[in-house]
């Protein structure tokens, strides 16, 4: 089964550290402007999801949600979460550590696209 969202070792290490500190977590990446297109990490339940939000995947035991519009945009690619130095001034939990999550994407191969289509 192909995963739509992956994470680097750096991202997984940071996620684990933040889970130990805050408990259950959730990612959300909207389609908004500015920081709204940054993957943000919240304590589970701190951000209310609506009926059009989609769980695109899970990394480090943490669900990764996007808006329906963002899912349509990202459906042609695989996301890999990584970590970069520097605060970007969001409400995301890692901001207090002076780092931020970034989402890198790559397009699906034709074979992967066929497999994803079969998965539904």
PDB file of N, CA and C in Angstrom:
ATOM      1  N   UNK A   1       0.844  -1.189   0.000  1.00  0.00           N
ATOM      2  CA  UNK A   1       0.000   0.000   0.000  1.00  0.00           C
ATOM      3  C   UNK A   1       0.882   1.243   0.000  1.00  0.00           C
ATOM      4  N   UNK A   2       0.583   2.154  -0.878  1.00  0.00           N
ATOM      5  CA  UNK A   2       1.361   3.383  -1.011  1.00  0.00           C
ATOM      6  C   UNK A   2       0.909   4.388   0.037  1.00  0.00           C
ATOM      7  N   UNK A   3       1.869   5.001   0.691  1.00  0.00           N
ATOM      8  CA  UNK A   3       1.562   6.029   1.681  1.00  0.00           C
ATOM      9  C   UNK A   3       1.603   7.402   1.024  1.00  0.00           C
ATOM     10  N   UNK A   4       0.607   8.198   1.299  1.00  0.00           N
ATOM     11  CA  UNK A   4       0.549   9.552   0.736  1.00  0.00           C
ATOM     12  C   UNK A   4       1.427  10.533   1.507  1.00  0.00           C
ATOM     13  N   UNK A   5       1.695  10.230   2.791  1.00  0.00           N
ATOM     14  CA  UNK A   5       2.501  11.119   3.626  1.00  0.00           C
ATOM     15  C   UNK A   5       3.594  10.303   4.300  1.00  0.00           C
ATOM     16  N   UNK A   6       4.826  10.768   4.177  1.00  0.00           N
ATOM     17  CA  UNK A   6       5.995  10.165   4.817  1.00  0.00           C
ATOM     18  C   UNK A   6       6.651  11.221   5.694  1.00  0.00           C
ATOM     19  N   UNK A   7       7.682  10.822   6.430  1.00  0.00           N
ATOM     20  CA  UNK A   7       8.437  11.780   7.248  1.00  0.00           C
ATOM     21  C   UNK A   7       9.890  11.354   7.296  1.00  0.00           C
ATOM     22  N   UNK A   8      10.773  12.336   7.324  1.00  0.00           N
ATOM     23  CA  UNK A   8      12.198  12.070   7.481  1.00  0.00           C
ATOM     24  C   UNK A   8      12.468  11.657   8.923  1.00  0.00           C
ATOM     25  N   UNK A   9      13.663  11.123   9.163  1.00  0.00           N
ATOM     26  CA  UNK A   9      14.043  10.760  10.531  1.00  0.00           C
ATOM     27  C   UNK A   9      14.024  11.986  11.446  1.00  0.00           C
ATOM     28  N   UNK A  10      14.468  13.128  10.935  1.00  0.00           N
ATOM     29  CA  UNK A  10      14.444  14.364  11.732  1.00  0.00           C
ATOM     30  C   UNK A  10      13.020  14.724  12.146  1.00  0.00           C
ATOM     31  N   UNK A  11      12.089  14.601  11.213  1.00  0.00           N
ATOM     32  CA  UNK A  11      10.694  14.918  11.515  1.00  0.00           C
ATOM     33  C   UNK A  11      10.125  13.917  12.515  1.00  0.00           C
ATOM     34  N   UNK A  12      10.425  12.627  12.338  1.00  0.00           N
ATOM     35  CA  UNK A  12       9.921  11.611  13.260  1.00  0.00           C
ATOM     36  C   UNK A  12      10.470  11.804  14.669  1.00  0.00           C
ATOM     37  N   UNK A  13      11.735  12.192  14.773  1.00  0.00           N
ATOM     38  CA  UNK A  13      12.345  12.454  16.085  1.00  0.00           C
ATOM     39  C   UNK A  13      11.655  13.629  16.768  1.00  0.00           C
ATOM     40  N   UNK A  14      11.406  14.694  16.022  1.00  0.00           N
ATOM     41  CA  UNK A  14      10.726  15.862  16.583  1.00  0.00           C
ATOM     42  C   UNK A  14       9.289  15.518  16.978  1.00  0.00           C
ATOM     43  N   UNK A  15       8.596  14.772  16.140  1.00  0.00           N
ATOM     44  CA  UNK A  15       7.221  14.370  16.452  1.00  0.00           C
ATOM     45  C   UNK A  15       7.191  13.580  17.759  1.00  0.00           C
ATOM     46  N   UNK A  16       8.114  12.630  17.912  1.00  0.00           N
ATOM     47  CA  UNK A  16       8.161  11.809  19.130  1.00  0.00           C
ATOM     48  C   UNK A  16       8.428  12.670  20.362  1.00  0.00           C
ATOM     49  N   UNK A  17       9.325  13.625  20.237  1.00  0.00           N
ATOM     50  CA  UNK A  17       9.625  14.511  21.368  1.00  0.00           C
ATOM     51  C   UNK A  17       8.401  15.342  21.744  1.00  0.00           C
ATOM     52  N   UNK A  18       7.691  15.838  20.748  1.00  0.00           N
ATOM     53  CA  UNK A  18       6.506  16.650  21.019  1.00  0.00           C
ATOM     54  C   UNK A  18       5.348  15.797  21.543  1.00  0.00           C
ATOM     55  N   UNK A  19       5.248  14.542  21.096  1.00  0.00           N
ATOM     56  CA  UNK A  19       4.232  13.629  21.639  1.00  0.00           C
ATOM     57  C   UNK A  19       4.487  13.378  23.121  1.00  0.00           C
ATOM     58  N   UNK A  20       5.757  13.195  23.485  1.00  0.00           N
ATOM     59  CA  UNK A  20       6.093  12.950  24.889  1.00  0.00           C
ATOM     60  C   UNK A  20       5.710  14.145  25.756  1.00  0.00           C
ATOM     61  N   UNK A  21       5.827  15.334  25.204  1.00  0.00           N
ATOM     62  CA  UNK A  21       5.527  16.551  25.953  1.00  0.00           C
ATOM     63  C   UNK A  21       4.040  16.874  25.980  1.00  0.00           C
ATOM     64  N   UNK A  22       3.336  16.692  24.843  1.00  0.00           N
ATOM     65  CA  UNK A  22       1.959  17.171  24.722  1.00  0.00           C
ATOM     66  C   UNK A  22       0.900  16.073  24.630  1.00  0.00           C
ATOM     67  N   UNK A  23       1.297  14.823  24.464  1.00  0.00           N
ATOM     68  CA  UNK A  23       0.315  13.747  24.316  1.00  0.00           C
ATOM     69  C   UNK A  23      -0.105  13.569  22.868  1.00  0.00           C
ATOM     70  N   UNK A  24      -1.365  13.205  22.655  1.00  0.00           N
ATOM     71  CA  UNK A  24      -1.865  12.954  21.301  1.00  0.00           C
ATOM     72  C   UNK A  24      -1.838  14.229  20.468  1.00  0.00           C
ATOM     73  N   UNK A  25      -1.426  14.065  19.210  1.00  0.00           N
ATOM     74  CA  UNK A  25      -1.246  15.212  18.321  1.00  0.00           C
ATOM     75  C   UNK A  25      -1.976  15.003  17.001  1.00  0.00           C
ATOM     76  N   UNK A  26      -2.066  16.071  16.226  1.00  0.00           N
ATOM     77  CA  UNK A  26      -2.616  16.023  14.875  1.00  0.00           C
ATOM     78  C   UNK A  26      -1.939  17.075  14.000  1.00  0.00           C
ATOM     79  N   UNK A  27      -1.706  16.719  12.744  1.00  0.00           N
ATOM     80  CA  UNK A  27      -1.223  17.677  11.753  1.00  0.00           C
ATOM     81  C   UNK A  27      -2.404  18.213  10.969  1.00  0.00           C
ATOM     82  N   UNK A  28      -2.291  19.478  10.545  1.00  0.00           N
ATOM     83  CA  UNK A  28      -3.268  20.049   9.625  1.00  0.00           C
ATOM     84  C   UNK A  28      -2.533  20.961   8.652  1.00  0.00           C
ATOM     85  N   UNK A  29      -2.808  20.768   7.378  1.00  0.00           N
ATOM     86  CA  UNK A  29      -2.257  21.655   6.350  1.00  0.00           C
ATOM     87  C   UNK A  29      -3.416  22.136   5.503  1.00  0.00           C
ATOM     88  N   UNK A  30      -3.709  23.422   5.618  1.00  0.00           N
ATOM     89  CA  UNK A  30      -4.837  23.981   4.868  1.00  0.00           C
ATOM     90  C   UNK A  30      -4.364  24.454   3.506  1.00  0.00           C
ATOM     91  N   UNK A  31      -5.244  25.097   2.798  1.00  0.00           N
ATOM     92  CA  UNK A  31      -4.911  25.652   1.483  1.00  0.00           C
ATOM     93  C   UNK A  31      -4.821  27.173   1.547  1.00  0.00           C
ATOM     94  N   UNK A  32      -4.734  27.699   2.745  1.00  0.00           N
ATOM     95  CA  UNK A  32      -4.727  29.151   2.913  1.00  0.00           C
ATOM     96  C   UNK A  32      -3.458  29.797   2.420  1.00  0.00           C
ATOM     97  N   UNK A  33      -3.432  31.086   2.493  1.00  0.00           N
ATOM     98  CA  UNK A  33      -2.241  31.820   2.091  1.00  0.00           C
ATOM     99  C   UNK A  33      -1.251  31.855   3.256  1.00  0.00           C
ATOM    100  N   UNK A  34      -0.088  32.329   2.993  1.00  0.00           N
ATOM    101  CA  UNK A  34       0.940  32.542   4.009  1.00  0.00           C
ATOM    102  C   UNK A  34       1.214  31.273   4.797  1.00  0.00           C
ATOM    103  N   UNK A  35       1.136  31.345   6.119  1.00  0.00           N
ATOM    104  CA  UNK A  35       1.434  30.192   6.962  1.00  0.00           C
ATOM    105  C   UNK A  35       0.364  29.119   6.890  1.00  0.00           C
ATOM    106  N   UNK A  36      -0.778  29.425   6.314  1.00  0.00           N
ATOM    107  CA  UNK A  36      -1.840  28.433   6.207  1.00  0.00           C
ATOM    108  C   UNK A  36      -1.481  27.259   5.331  1.00  0.00           C
ATOM    109  N   UNK A  37      -0.452  27.376   4.516  1.00  0.00           N
ATOM    110  CA  UNK A  37      -0.040  26.259   3.674  1.00  0.00           C
ATOM    111  C   UNK A  37       1.148  25.516   4.286  1.00  0.00           C
ATOM    112  N   UNK A  38       1.466  25.813   5.521  1.00  0.00           N
ATOM    113  CA  UNK A  38       2.525  25.140   6.259  1.00  0.00           C
ATOM    114  C   UNK A  38       1.912  24.000   7.056  1.00  0.00           C
ATOM    115  N   UNK A  39       2.547  22.818   7.067  1.00  0.00           N
ATOM    116  CA  UNK A  39       2.006  21.767   7.934  1.00  0.00           C
ATOM    117  C   UNK A  39       2.150  22.186   9.391  1.00  0.00           C
ATOM    118  N   UNK A  40       1.045  22.180  10.113  1.00  0.00           N
ATOM    119  CA  UNK A  40       1.063  22.627  11.503  1.00  0.00           C
ATOM    120  C   UNK A  40       0.655  21.484  12.416  1.00  0.00           C
ATOM    121  N   UNK A  41       1.296  21.416  13.580  1.00  0.00           N
ATOM    122  CA  UNK A  41       1.079  20.354  14.548  1.00  0.00           C
ATOM    123  C   UNK A  41       0.384  20.921  15.783  1.00  0.00           C
ATOM    124  N   UNK A  42      -0.719  20.286  16.162  1.00  0.00           N
ATOM    125  CA  UNK A  42      -1.515  20.738  17.292  1.00  0.00           C
ATOM    126  C   UNK A  42      -1.787  19.576  18.250  1.00  0.00           C
ATOM    127  N   UNK A  43      -2.083  19.878  19.514  1.00  0.00           N
ATOM    128  CA  UNK A  43      -2.616  18.824  20.378  1.00  0.00           C
ATOM    129  C   UNK A  43      -3.934  18.335  19.755  1.00  0.00           C
ATOM    130  N   UNK A  44      -4.162  17.041  19.797  1.00  0.00           N
ATOM    131  CA  UNK A  44      -5.372  16.488  19.204  1.00  0.00           C
ATOM    132  C   UNK A  44      -6.596  17.164  19.807  1.00  0.00           C
ATOM    133  N   UNK A  45      -7.499  17.601  18.942  1.00  0.00           N
ATOM    134  CA  UNK A  45      -8.731  18.250  19.380  1.00  0.00           C
ATOM    135  C   UNK A  45      -8.627  19.753  19.532  1.00  0.00           C
ATOM    136  N   UNK A  46      -7.415  20.305  19.493  1.00  0.00           N
ATOM    137  CA  UNK A  46      -7.281  21.759  19.630  1.00  0.00           C
ATOM    138  C   UNK A  46      -7.831  22.487  18.418  1.00  0.00           C
ATOM    139  N   UNK A  47      -7.734  21.855  17.272  1.00  0.00           N
ATOM    140  CA  UNK A  47      -8.288  22.438  16.052  1.00  0.00           C
ATOM    141  C   UNK A  47      -9.455  21.572  15.605  1.00  0.00           C
ATOM    142  N   UNK A  48     -10.602  22.185  15.469  1.00  0.00           N
ATOM    143  CA  UNK A  48     -11.790  21.442  15.056  1.00  0.00           C
ATOM    144  C   UNK A  48     -11.733  21.147  13.564  1.00  0.00           C
ATOM    145  N   UNK A  49     -11.941  19.893  13.212  1.00  0.00           N
ATOM    146  CA  UNK A  49     -12.023  19.512  11.808  1.00  0.00           C
ATOM    147  C   UNK A  49     -13.462  19.622  11.363  1.00  0.00           C
ATOM    148  N   UNK A  50     -13.674  19.854  10.071  1.00  0.00           N
ATOM    149  CA  UNK A  50     -15.042  19.889   9.569  1.00  0.00           C
ATOM    150  C   UNK A  50     -15.280  18.711   8.633  1.00  0.00           C
ATOM    151  N   UNK A  51     -16.474  18.578   8.140  1.00  0.00           N
ATOM    152  CA  UNK A  51     -16.863  17.409   7.353  1.00  0.00           C
ATOM    153  C   UNK A  51     -16.129  17.301   6.021  1.00  0.00           C
ATOM    154  N   UNK A  52     -15.510  18.366   5.560  1.00  0.00           N
ATOM    155  CA  UNK A  52     -14.791  18.302   4.288  1.00  0.00           C
ATOM    156  C   UNK A  52     -13.286  18.105   4.468  1.00  0.00           C
ATOM    157  N   UNK A  53     -12.801  18.029   5.699  1.00  0.00           N
ATOM    158  CA  UNK A  53     -11.388  17.747   5.928  1.00  0.00           C
ATOM    159  C   UNK A  53     -11.131  16.260   5.726  1.00  0.00           C
ATOM    160  N   UNK A  54      -9.947  15.950   5.231  1.00  0.00           N
ATOM    161  CA  UNK A  54      -9.590  14.580   4.867  1.00  0.00           C
ATOM    162  C   UNK A  54      -8.306  14.193   5.572  1.00  0.00           C
ATOM    163  N   UNK A  55      -8.280  12.978   6.134  1.00  0.00           N
ATOM    164  CA  UNK A  55      -7.026  12.470   6.674  1.00  0.00           C
ATOM    165  C   UNK A  55      -6.253  11.872   5.510  1.00  0.00           C
ATOM    166  N   UNK A  56      -5.176  12.542   5.151  1.00  0.00           N
ATOM    167  CA  UNK A  56      -4.375  12.147   3.999  1.00  0.00           C
ATOM    168  C   UNK A  56      -3.414  11.010   4.336  1.00  0.00           C
ATOM    169  N   UNK A  57      -3.071  10.895   5.608  1.00  0.00           N
ATOM    170  CA  UNK A  57      -2.152   9.856   6.033  1.00  0.00           C
ATOM    171  C   UNK A  57      -1.850   9.981   7.502  1.00  0.00           C
ATOM    172  N   UNK A  58      -0.770   9.319   7.905  1.00  0.00           N
ATOM    173  CA  UNK A  58      -0.343   9.335   9.297  1.00  0.00           C
ATOM    174  C   UNK A  58       1.180   9.209   9.322  1.00  0.00           C
ATOM    175  N   UNK A  59       1.820   9.988  10.174  1.00  0.00           N
ATOM    176  CA  UNK A  59       3.272   9.908  10.337  1.00  0.00           C
ATOM    177  C   UNK A  59       3.604   9.865  11.822  1.00  0.00           C
ATOM    178  N   UNK A  60       4.437   8.922  12.196  1.00  0.00           N
ATOM    179  CA  UNK A  60       4.810   8.804  13.598  1.00  0.00           C
ATOM    180  C   UNK A  60       3.628   8.617  14.512  1.00  0.00           C
ATOM    181  N   UNK A  61       2.572   7.990  14.012  1.00  0.00           N
ATOM    182  CA  UNK A  61       1.370   7.798  14.816  1.00  0.00           C
ATOM    183  C   UNK A  61       0.476   9.018  14.909  1.00  0.00           C
ATOM    184  N   UNK A  62       0.774  10.044  14.127  1.00  0.00           N
ATOM    185  CA  UNK A  62       0.011  11.297  14.166  1.00  0.00           C
ATOM    186  C   UNK A  62      -0.749  11.462  12.846  1.00  0.00           C
ATOM    187  N   UNK A  63      -2.075  11.623  12.896  1.00  0.00           N
ATOM    188  CA  UNK A  63      -2.839  11.813  11.667  1.00  0.00           C
ATOM    189  C   UNK A  63      -2.482  13.145  10.989  1.00  0.00           C
ATOM    190  N   UNK A  64      -2.481  13.116   9.657  1.00  0.00           N
ATOM    191  CA  UNK A  64      -2.157  14.291   8.842  1.00  0.00           C
ATOM    192  C   UNK A  64      -3.402  14.642   8.039  1.00  0.00           C
ATOM    193  N   UNK A  65      -4.032  15.770   8.395  1.00  0.00           N
ATOM    194  CA  UNK A  65      -5.286  16.203   7.772  1.00  0.00           C
ATOM    195  C   UNK A  65      -5.049  17.376   6.822  1.00  0.00           C
ATOM    196  N   UNK A  66      -5.877  17.418   5.789  1.00  0.00           N
ATOM    197  CA  UNK A  66      -5.883  18.544   4.853  1.00  0.00           C
ATOM    198  C   UNK A  66      -7.334  18.875   4.521  1.00  0.00           C
ATOM    199  N   UNK A  67      -7.536  20.067   4.014  1.00  0.00           N
ATOM    200  CA  UNK A  67      -8.869  20.426   3.543  1.00  0.00           C
ATOM    201  C   UNK A  67      -9.141  19.676   2.238  1.00  0.00           C
ATOM    202  N   UNK A  68     -10.395  19.567   1.899  1.00  0.00           N
ATOM    203  CA  UNK A  68     -10.763  18.889   0.656  1.00  0.00           C
ATOM    204  C   UNK A  68     -10.097  19.553  -0.548  1.00  0.00           C
ATOM    205  N   UNK A  69     -10.071  20.876  -0.559  1.00  0.00           N
ATOM    206  CA  UNK A  69      -9.458  21.604  -1.662  1.00  0.00           C
ATOM    207  C   UNK A  69      -7.953  21.297  -1.734  1.00  0.00           C
ATOM    208  N   UNK A  70      -7.304  21.266  -0.577  1.00  0.00           N
ATOM    209  CA  UNK A  70      -5.871  20.971  -0.541  1.00  0.00           C
ATOM    210  C   UNK A  70      -5.620  19.525  -0.976  1.00  0.00           C
ATOM    211  N   UNK A  71      -6.496  18.596  -0.580  1.00  0.00           N
ATOM    212  CA  UNK A  71      -6.345  17.206  -0.992  1.00  0.00           C
ATOM    213  C   UNK A  71      -6.426  17.085  -2.510  1.00  0.00           C
ATOM    214  N   UNK A  72      -7.376  17.783  -3.118  1.00  0.00           N
ATOM    215  CA  UNK A  72      -7.489  17.761  -4.576  1.00  0.00           C
ATOM    216  C   UNK A  72      -6.187  18.242  -5.220  1.00  0.00           C
ATOM    217  N   UNK A  73      -5.615  19.277  -4.649  1.00  0.00           N
ATOM    218  CA  UNK A  73      -4.369  19.834  -5.174  1.00  0.00           C
ATOM    219  C   UNK A  73      -3.197  18.869  -4.978  1.00  0.00           C
ATOM    220  N   UNK A  74      -3.147  18.219  -3.825  1.00  0.00           N
ATOM    221  CA  UNK A  74      -2.017  17.350  -3.479  1.00  0.00           C
ATOM    222  C   UNK A  74      -2.186  15.903  -3.933  1.00  0.00           C
ATOM    223  N   UNK A  75      -3.316  15.543  -4.456  1.00  0.00           N
ATOM    224  CA  UNK A  75      -3.584  14.135  -4.758  1.00  0.00           C
ATOM    225  C   UNK A  75      -2.615  13.543  -5.779  1.00  0.00           C
ATOM    226  N   UNK A  76      -1.969  14.358  -6.565  1.00  0.00           N
ATOM    227  CA  UNK A  76      -1.021  13.873  -7.570  1.00  0.00           C
ATOM    228  C   UNK A  76       0.394  13.723  -7.061  1.00  0.00           C
ATOM    229  N   UNK A  77       0.586  13.864  -5.739  1.00  0.00           N
ATOM    230  CA  UNK A  77       1.949  13.797  -5.215  1.00  0.00           C
ATOM    231  C   UNK A  77       2.008  13.170  -3.829  1.00  0.00           C
ATOM    232  N   UNK A  78       3.209  12.713  -3.503  1.00  0.00           N
ATOM    233  CA  UNK A  78       3.485  12.180  -2.173  1.00  0.00           C
ATOM    234  C   UNK A  78       4.162  13.280  -1.366  1.00  0.00           C
ATOM    235  N   UNK A  79       3.758  13.427  -0.112  1.00  0.00           N
ATOM    236  CA  UNK A  79       4.306  14.450   0.777  1.00  0.00           C
ATOM    237  C   UNK A  79       5.317  13.799   1.709  1.00  0.00           C
ATOM    238  N   UNK A  80       6.457  14.443   1.887  1.00  0.00           N
ATOM    239  CA  UNK A  80       7.420  14.028   2.892  1.00  0.00           C
ATOM    240  C   UNK A  80       7.625  15.200   3.837  1.00  0.00           C
ATOM    241  N   UNK A  81       7.298  14.975   5.120  1.00  0.00           N
ATOM    242  CA  UNK A  81       7.507  16.005   6.133  1.00  0.00           C
ATOM    243  C   UNK A  81       8.973  16.017   6.540  1.00  0.00           C
ATOM    244  N   UNK A  82       9.515  17.209   6.661  1.00  0.00           N
ATOM    245  CA  UNK A  82      10.882  17.389   7.111  1.00  0.00           C
ATOM    246  C   UNK A  82      10.894  18.548   8.096  1.00  0.00           C
ATOM    247  N   UNK A  83      12.055  18.829   8.658  1.00  0.00           N
ATOM    248  CA  UNK A  83      12.212  19.896   9.641  1.00  0.00           C
ATOM    249  C   UNK A  83      13.310  20.830   9.162  1.00  0.00           C
ATOM    250  N   UNK A  84      13.074  22.125   9.303  1.00  0.00           N
ATOM    251  CA  UNK A  84      14.086  23.133   9.001  1.00  0.00           C
ATOM    252  C   UNK A  84      14.232  24.069  10.193  1.00  0.00           C
ATOM    253  N   UNK A  85      15.405  24.646  10.303  1.00  0.00           N
ATOM    254  CA  UNK A  85      15.684  25.593  11.382  1.00  0.00           C
ATOM    255  C   UNK A  85      14.907  26.884  11.179  1.00  0.00           C
ATOM    256  N   UNK A  86      14.578  27.514  12.292  1.00  0.00           N
ATOM    257  CA  UNK A  86      13.937  28.821  12.251  1.00  0.00           C
ATOM    258  C   UNK A  86      12.451  28.754  12.539  1.00  0.00           C
ATOM    259  N   UNK A  87      12.006  29.679  13.309  1.00  0.00           N
ATOM    260  CA  UNK A  87      10.593  29.823  13.620  1.00  0.00           C
ATOM    261  C   UNK A  87       9.920  30.547  12.465  1.00  0.00           C
ATOM    262  N   UNK A  88       8.715  30.103  12.100  1.00  0.00           N
ATOM    263  CA  UNK A  88       7.971  30.815  11.061  1.00  0.00           C
ATOM    264  C   UNK A  88       6.754  31.529  11.636  1.00  0.00           C
ATOM    265  N   UNK A  89       6.667  31.560  12.966  1.00  0.00           N
ATOM    266  CA  UNK A  89       5.634  32.351  13.628  1.00  0.00           C
ATOM    267  C   UNK A  89       4.237  31.784  13.533  1.00  0.00           C
ATOM    268  N   UNK A  90       4.099  30.460  13.474  1.00  0.00           N
ATOM    269  CA  UNK A  90       2.769  29.862  13.436  1.00  0.00           C
ATOM    270  C   UNK A  90       2.351  29.434  14.842  1.00  0.00           C
ATOM    271  N   UNK A  91       1.179  28.858  14.938  1.00  0.00           N
ATOM    272  CA  UNK A  91       0.698  28.310  16.203  1.00  0.00           C
ATOM    273  C   UNK A  91       1.107  26.854  16.367  1.00  0.00           C
ATOM    274  N   UNK A  92       1.907  26.344  15.447  1.00  0.00           N
ATOM    275  CA  UNK A  92       2.331  24.955  15.477  1.00  0.00           C
ATOM    276  C   UNK A  92       3.264  24.700  16.664  1.00  0.00           C
ATOM    277  N   UNK A  93       3.152  23.525  17.265  1.00  0.00           N
ATOM    278  CA  UNK A  93       3.878  23.212  18.496  1.00  0.00           C
ATOM    279  C   UNK A  93       5.398  23.309  18.374  1.00  0.00           C
ATOM    280  N   UNK A  94       5.948  22.960  17.226  1.00  0.00           N
ATOM    281  CA  UNK A  94       7.412  22.969  17.084  1.00  0.00           C
ATOM    282  C   UNK A  94       7.990  24.374  17.020  1.00  0.00           C
ATOM    283  N   UNK A  95       7.158  25.371  16.816  1.00  0.00           N
ATOM    284  CA  UNK A  95       7.635  26.751  16.699  1.00  0.00           C
ATOM    285  C   UNK A  95       8.424  27.177  17.939  1.00  0.00           C
ATOM    286  N   UNK A  96       8.019  26.705  19.103  1.00  0.00           N
ATOM    287  CA  UNK A  96       8.697  27.082  20.349  1.00  0.00           C
ATOM    288  C   UNK A  96      10.108  26.505  20.431  1.00  0.00           C
ATOM    289  N   UNK A  97      10.408  25.530  19.578  1.00  0.00           N
ATOM    290  CA  UNK A  97      11.743  24.922  19.557  1.00  0.00           C
ATOM    291  C   UNK A  97      12.653  25.582  18.528  1.00  0.00           C
ATOM    292  N   UNK A  98      12.155  26.604  17.859  1.00  0.00           N
ATOM    293  CA  UNK A  98      12.969  27.317  16.879  1.00  0.00           C
ATOM    294  C   UNK A  98      13.139  26.569  15.569  1.00  0.00           C
ATOM    295  N   UNK A  99      12.201  25.653  15.277  1.00  0.00           N
ATOM    296  CA  UNK A  99      12.213  24.910  14.015  1.00  0.00           C
ATOM    297  C   UNK A  99      10.797  24.904  13.454  1.00  0.00           C
ATOM    298  N   UNK A 100      10.674  24.425  12.217  1.00  0.00           N
ATOM    299  CA  UNK A 100       9.348  24.310  11.622  1.00  0.00           C
ATOM    300  C   UNK A 100       9.307  23.117  10.671  1.00  0.00           C
ATOM    301  N   UNK A 101       8.115  22.547  10.542  1.00  0.00           N
ATOM    302  CA  UNK A 101       7.909  21.468   9.594  1.00  0.00           C
ATOM    303  C   UNK A 101       7.759  22.043   8.196  1.00  0.00           C
ATOM    304  N   UNK A 102       8.260  21.319   7.226  1.00  0.00           N
ATOM    305  CA  UNK A 102       8.060  21.658   5.819  1.00  0.00           C
ATOM    306  C   UNK A 102       7.527  20.415   5.117  1.00  0.00           C
ATOM    307  N   UNK A 103       6.752  20.638   4.095  1.00  0.00           N
ATOM    308  CA  UNK A 103       6.209  19.541   3.291  1.00  0.00           C
ATOM    309  C   UNK A 103       6.877  19.582   1.926  1.00  0.00           C
ATOM    310  N   UNK A 104       7.563  18.513   1.602  1.00  0.00           N
ATOM    311  CA  UNK A 104       8.176  18.379   0.280  1.00  0.00           C
ATOM    312  C   UNK A 104       7.322  17.388  -0.512  1.00  0.00           C
ATOM    313  N   UNK A 105       7.165  17.644  -1.776  1.00  0.00           N
ATOM    314  CA  UNK A 105       6.316  16.757  -2.567  1.00  0.00           C
ATOM    315  C   UNK A 105       7.042  16.254  -3.805  1.00  0.00           C
ATOM    316  N   UNK A 106       6.622  15.101  -4.236  1.00  0.00           N
ATOM    317  CA  UNK A 106       7.095  14.550  -5.504  1.00  0.00           C
ATOM    318  C   UNK A 106       5.897  13.945  -6.209  1.00  0.00           C
ATOM    319  N   UNK A 107       5.894  14.017  -7.520  1.00  0.00           N
ATOM    320  CA  UNK A 107       4.789  13.479  -8.305  1.00  0.00           C
ATOM    321  C   UNK A 107       4.818  11.956  -8.291  1.00  0.00           C
ATOM    322  N   UNK A 108       3.633  11.353  -8.367  1.00  0.00           N
ATOM    323  CA  UNK A 108       3.528   9.903  -8.452  1.00  0.00           C
ATOM    324  C   UNK A 108       4.029   9.421  -9.800  1.00  0.00           C
ATOM    325  N   UNK A 109       4.598   8.245  -9.820  1.00  0.00           N
ATOM    326  CA  UNK A 109       4.915   7.612 -11.101  1.00  0.00           C
ATOM    327  C   UNK A 109       3.604   7.083 -11.679  1.00  0.00           C
ATOM    328  N   UNK A 110       3.598   6.719 -12.940  1.00  0.00           N
ATOM    329  CA  UNK A 110       2.387   6.161 -13.549  1.00  0.00           C
ATOM    330  C   UNK A 110       1.953   4.886 -12.819  1.00  0.00           C
ATOM    331  N   UNK A 111       2.913   4.051 -12.455  1.00  0.00           N
ATOM    332  CA  UNK A 111       2.602   2.809 -11.750  1.00  0.00           C
ATOM    333  C   UNK A 111       1.983   3.096 -10.377  1.00  0.00           C
ATOM    334  N   UNK A 112       2.560   4.049  -9.644  1.00  0.00           N
ATOM    335  CA  UNK A 112       2.007   4.420  -8.335  1.00  0.00           C
ATOM    336  C   UNK A 112       0.593   4.978  -8.493  1.00  0.00           C
ATOM    337  N   UNK A 113       0.384   5.783  -9.509  1.00  0.00           N
ATOM    338  CA  UNK A 113      -0.932   6.379  -9.737  1.00  0.00           C
ATOM    339  C   UNK A 113      -1.979   5.297  -9.994  1.00  0.00           C
ATOM    340  N   UNK A 114      -1.616   4.289 -10.773  1.00  0.00           N
ATOM    341  CA  UNK A 114      -2.544   3.171 -11.023  1.00  0.00           C
ATOM    342  C   UNK A 114      -2.851   2.438  -9.719  1.00  0.00           C
ATOM    343  N   UNK A 115      -1.832   2.196  -8.894  1.00  0.00           N
ATOM    344  CA  UNK A 115      -2.039   1.510  -7.621  1.00  0.00           C
ATOM    345  C   UNK A 115      -2.917   2.337  -6.679  1.00  0.00           C
ATOM    346  N   UNK A 116      -2.666   3.627  -6.619  1.00  0.00           N
ATOM    347  CA  UNK A 116      -3.500   4.504  -5.781  1.00  0.00           C
ATOM    348  C   UNK A 116      -4.939   4.511  -6.253  1.00  0.00           C
ATOM    349  N   UNK A 117      -5.134   4.542  -7.537  1.00  0.00           N
ATOM    350  CA  UNK A 117      -6.498   4.526  -8.088  1.00  0.00           C
ATOM    351  C   UNK A 117      -7.209   3.240  -7.709  1.00  0.00           C
ATOM    352  N   UNK A 118      -6.478   2.126  -7.690  1.00  0.00           N
ATOM    353  CA  UNK A 118      -7.072   0.847  -7.300  1.00  0.00           C
ATOM    354  C   UNK A 118      -7.383   0.816  -5.802  1.00  0.00           C
ATOM    355  N   UNK A 119      -6.590   1.525  -4.977  1.00  0.00           N
ATOM    356  CA  UNK A 119      -6.820   1.594  -3.546  1.00  0.00           C
ATOM    357  C   UNK A 119      -8.088   2.366  -3.208  1.00  0.00           C
ATOM    358  N   UNK A 120      -8.431   3.309  -4.074  1.00  0.00           N
ATOM    359  CA  UNK A 120      -9.626   4.127  -3.839  1.00  0.00           C
ATOM    360  C   UNK A 120      -9.358   5.350  -3.047  1.00  0.00           C
TER     361      UNK A 120
END
